[in-house]
Amino acid sequence: MSRSATSTPATVEDCLRVGAGFSLGDRAWIAEQFATLDTRLAAFPVDATELEVSVKDRAARGQKVTLECWIAGQQKIVTTSAEEDLHAALNDVRDDLRRRLNDAKTRQEPRNNRHLRDSTITDVISPELTPSLDESEPAAAAPSGDEGSPRGA
């Protein structure tokens, strides 16, 4: 059973804090910018997930936007952007966090589980893709796989 099944899934709206350089009035439009992270964050419980966005030297040429993500049991993820446009910088840190969360999830999955999942999918799909003989055709008409196979024709 996944953690999200036993707890409320994390969302940007529930987990986002605004830090230095932003006001509480900025929070709503930043949360809107980050809303696409919700699908990635949903794998984690809301009570174990935190996001904080901050900006240093806002609106100056050297501004730096930082997005930090804390998820219980995971390493802290920090993404930064030096884009001069604040909107572009927010999109940059958001996209980088999404990539890093995807990478962390991939690293966390044991290889054996992925292998088992892949073989289970093959086992489920294979019977449907296997051609069956019509009841009107005699069983002897089925190719034996030796000579005269229709695939070689």
Protein backbone atom coordinates (compact mmCIF):
# COMPACT_ATOMS: atom_id res chain seq x y z
CA MET A 1 0.00 0.00 0.00
CA SER A 2 1.39 3.39 -0.96
CA ARG A 3 1.83 6.17 1.52
CA SER A 4 -0.64 8.35 -0.34
CA ALA A 5 -3.39 5.77 0.24
CA THR A 6 -3.03 6.14 4.01
CA SER A 7 -2.62 9.92 4.05
CA THR A 8 -3.82 12.98 2.18
CA PRO A 9 -1.66 13.51 -0.94
CA ALA A 10 0.60 16.55 -1.00
CA THR A 11 -0.30 19.51 -3.21
CA VAL A 12 1.47 22.78 -3.87
CA GLU A 13 -1.43 24.66 -2.27
CA ASP A 14 -1.04 22.70 0.98
CA CYS A 15 2.77 22.62 1.15
CA LEU A 16 4.05 25.94 -0.26
CA ARG A 17 5.60 28.64 1.93
CA VAL A 18 6.94 31.90 0.60
CA GLY A 19 10.29 32.96 1.99
CA ALA A 20 12.53 35.97 1.68
CA GLY A 21 11.75 38.35 -1.16
CA PHE A 22 8.10 37.31 -1.50
CA SER A 23 5.02 38.46 0.38
CA LEU A 24 1.97 36.44 1.35
CA GLY A 25 0.22 38.32 -1.47
CA ASP A 26 2.61 36.65 -3.95
CA ARG A 27 1.77 33.17 -2.68
CA ALA A 28 -1.42 32.65 -4.71
CA TRP A 29 0.11 33.39 -8.12
CA ILE A 30 3.24 31.38 -7.28
CA ALA A 31 1.08 28.41 -6.25
CA GLU A 32 -0.75 28.76 -9.56
CA GLN A 33 2.61 28.72 -11.42
CA PHE A 34 3.63 25.58 -9.51
CA ALA A 35 0.28 23.74 -9.84
CA THR A 36 1.74 21.32 -12.41
CA LEU A 37 3.86 19.87 -9.60
CA ASP A 38 0.72 18.47 -7.95
CA THR A 39 0.78 15.23 -9.94
CA ARG A 40 4.37 14.56 -8.86
CA LEU A 41 3.79 15.59 -5.22
CA ALA A 42 0.65 13.43 -4.93
CA ALA A 43 2.89 10.40 -4.35
CA PHE A 44 3.87 11.86 -0.98
CA PRO A 45 1.79 12.57 2.15
CA VAL A 46 0.92 16.21 2.78
CA ASP A 47 2.05 16.05 6.41
CA ALA A 48 5.57 14.99 5.36
CA THR A 49 6.10 17.40 2.45
CA GLU A 50 7.20 21.05 2.46
CA LEU A 51 8.05 23.52 -0.30
CA GLU A 52 9.61 26.95 0.16
CA VAL A 53 10.30 29.50 -2.53
CA SER A 54 12.46 32.58 -1.99
CA VAL A 55 14.17 35.22 -4.07
CA LYS A 56 17.33 37.16 -3.40
CA ASP A 57 17.74 40.64 -4.91
CA ARG A 58 14.26 40.59 -6.48
CA ALA A 59 13.97 42.57 -9.72
CA ALA A 60 17.73 43.23 -9.79
CA ARG A 61 20.01 41.92 -12.54
CA GLY A 62 21.51 39.37 -10.19
CA GLN A 63 18.26 38.01 -8.70
CA LYS A 64 18.29 34.37 -7.64
CA VAL A 65 15.13 32.29 -7.10
CA THR A 66 15.42 29.22 -4.88
CA LEU A 67 12.87 26.43 -4.46
CA GLU A 68 13.49 23.98 -1.64
CA CYS A 69 11.60 20.72 -1.16
CA TRP A 70 11.62 18.57 1.97
CA ILE A 71 9.98 15.14 1.88
CA ALA A 72 10.28 12.85 4.90
CA GLY A 73 12.67 10.00 4.18
CA GLN A 74 14.18 11.77 1.16
CA GLN A 75 17.16 14.07 0.70
CA LYS A 76 16.32 17.77 0.59
CA ILE A 77 16.05 19.03 -3.00
CA VAL A 78 17.17 22.57 -3.80
CA THR A 79 16.68 24.14 -7.22
CA THR A 80 17.82 27.63 -8.22
CA SER A 81 17.49 29.98 -11.16
CA ALA A 82 19.29 33.20 -12.07
CA GLU A 83 16.81 34.14 -14.84
CA GLU A 84 16.29 37.90 -14.89
CA ASP A 85 12.54 37.59 -15.49
CA LEU A 86 10.81 36.47 -12.28
CA HIS A 87 8.13 34.49 -14.12
CA ALA A 88 10.79 32.61 -16.14
CA ALA A 89 12.84 31.97 -12.98
CA LEU A 90 9.81 30.47 -11.20
CA ASN A 91 9.11 28.22 -14.18
CA ASP A 92 12.78 27.22 -14.26
CA VAL A 93 12.90 26.12 -10.59
CA ARG A 94 9.51 24.39 -10.93
CA ASP A 95 10.62 22.36 -13.96
CA ASP A 96 13.94 21.48 -12.32
CA LEU A 97 12.16 20.26 -9.18
CA ARG A 98 9.81 18.11 -11.28
CA ARG A 99 12.81 16.50 -13.04
CA ARG A 100 14.61 15.89 -9.78
CA LEU A 101 11.52 14.36 -8.14
CA ASN A 102 11.17 12.04 -11.15
CA ASP A 103 14.85 11.08 -10.88
CA ALA A 104 14.52 10.45 -7.13
CA LYS A 105 11.50 8.20 -7.70
CA THR A 106 13.35 6.22 -10.37
CA ARG A 107 16.39 5.75 -8.11
CA GLN A 108 14.18 4.66 -5.23
CA GLU A 109 12.48 1.84 -7.14
CA PRO A 110 14.33 -1.45 -6.69
CA ARG A 111 15.30 -2.97 -10.00
CA ASN A 112 13.71 -6.27 -9.08
CA ASN A 113 10.32 -4.61 -8.65
CA ARG A 114 10.53 -2.96 -12.06
CA HIS A 115 11.46 -6.31 -13.60
CA LEU A 116 8.55 -8.05 -11.89
CA ARG A 117 6.16 -5.29 -12.96
CA ASP A 118 7.35 -5.53 -16.58
CA SER A 119 7.00 -9.32 -16.69
CA THR A 120 3.53 -9.12 -15.12
CA ILE A 121 2.40 -6.69 -17.80
CA THR A 122 3.76 -9.00 -20.50
CA ASP A 123 1.97 -11.99 -18.95
CA VAL A 124 -1.30 -10.10 -18.86
CA ILE A 125 -1.04 -8.77 -22.42
CA SER A 126 0.39 -11.86 -24.13
CA PRO A 127 -2.71 -14.10 -23.97
CA GLU A 128 -4.77 -11.38 -25.66
CA LEU A 129 -2.22 -10.99 -28.46
CA THR A 130 -1.78 -14.71 -29.06
CA PRO A 131 -3.83 -15.70 -32.12
CA SER A 132 -6.38 -18.41 -31.45
CA LEU A 133 -7.63 -20.96 -33.96
CA ASP A 134 -11.13 -20.60 -35.31
CA GLU A 135 -13.35 -23.47 -34.31
CA SER A 136 -14.05 -24.01 -38.01
CA GLU A 137 -10.34 -24.67 -38.77
CA PRO A 138 -8.98 -28.12 -37.97
CA ALA A 139 -6.12 -28.23 -35.49
CA ALA A 140 -3.87 -29.88 -38.08
CA ALA A 141 -3.97 -26.70 -40.17
CA ALA A 142 -1.96 -24.80 -37.54
CA PRO A 143 1.68 -24.32 -38.57
CA SER A 144 4.14 -26.37 -36.56
CA GLY A 145 6.80 -23.67 -36.77
CA ASP A 146 9.15 -25.92 -38.74
CA GLU A 147 8.80 -25.79 -42.48
CA GLY A 148 6.16 -24.01 -44.50
CA SER A 149 5.59 -21.32 -41.88
CA PRO A 150 3.52 -18.43 -43.25
CA ARG A 151 5.94 -16.01 -41.64
CA GLY A 152 8.72 -17.06 -44.01
CA ALA A 153 6.56 -16.45 -47.06
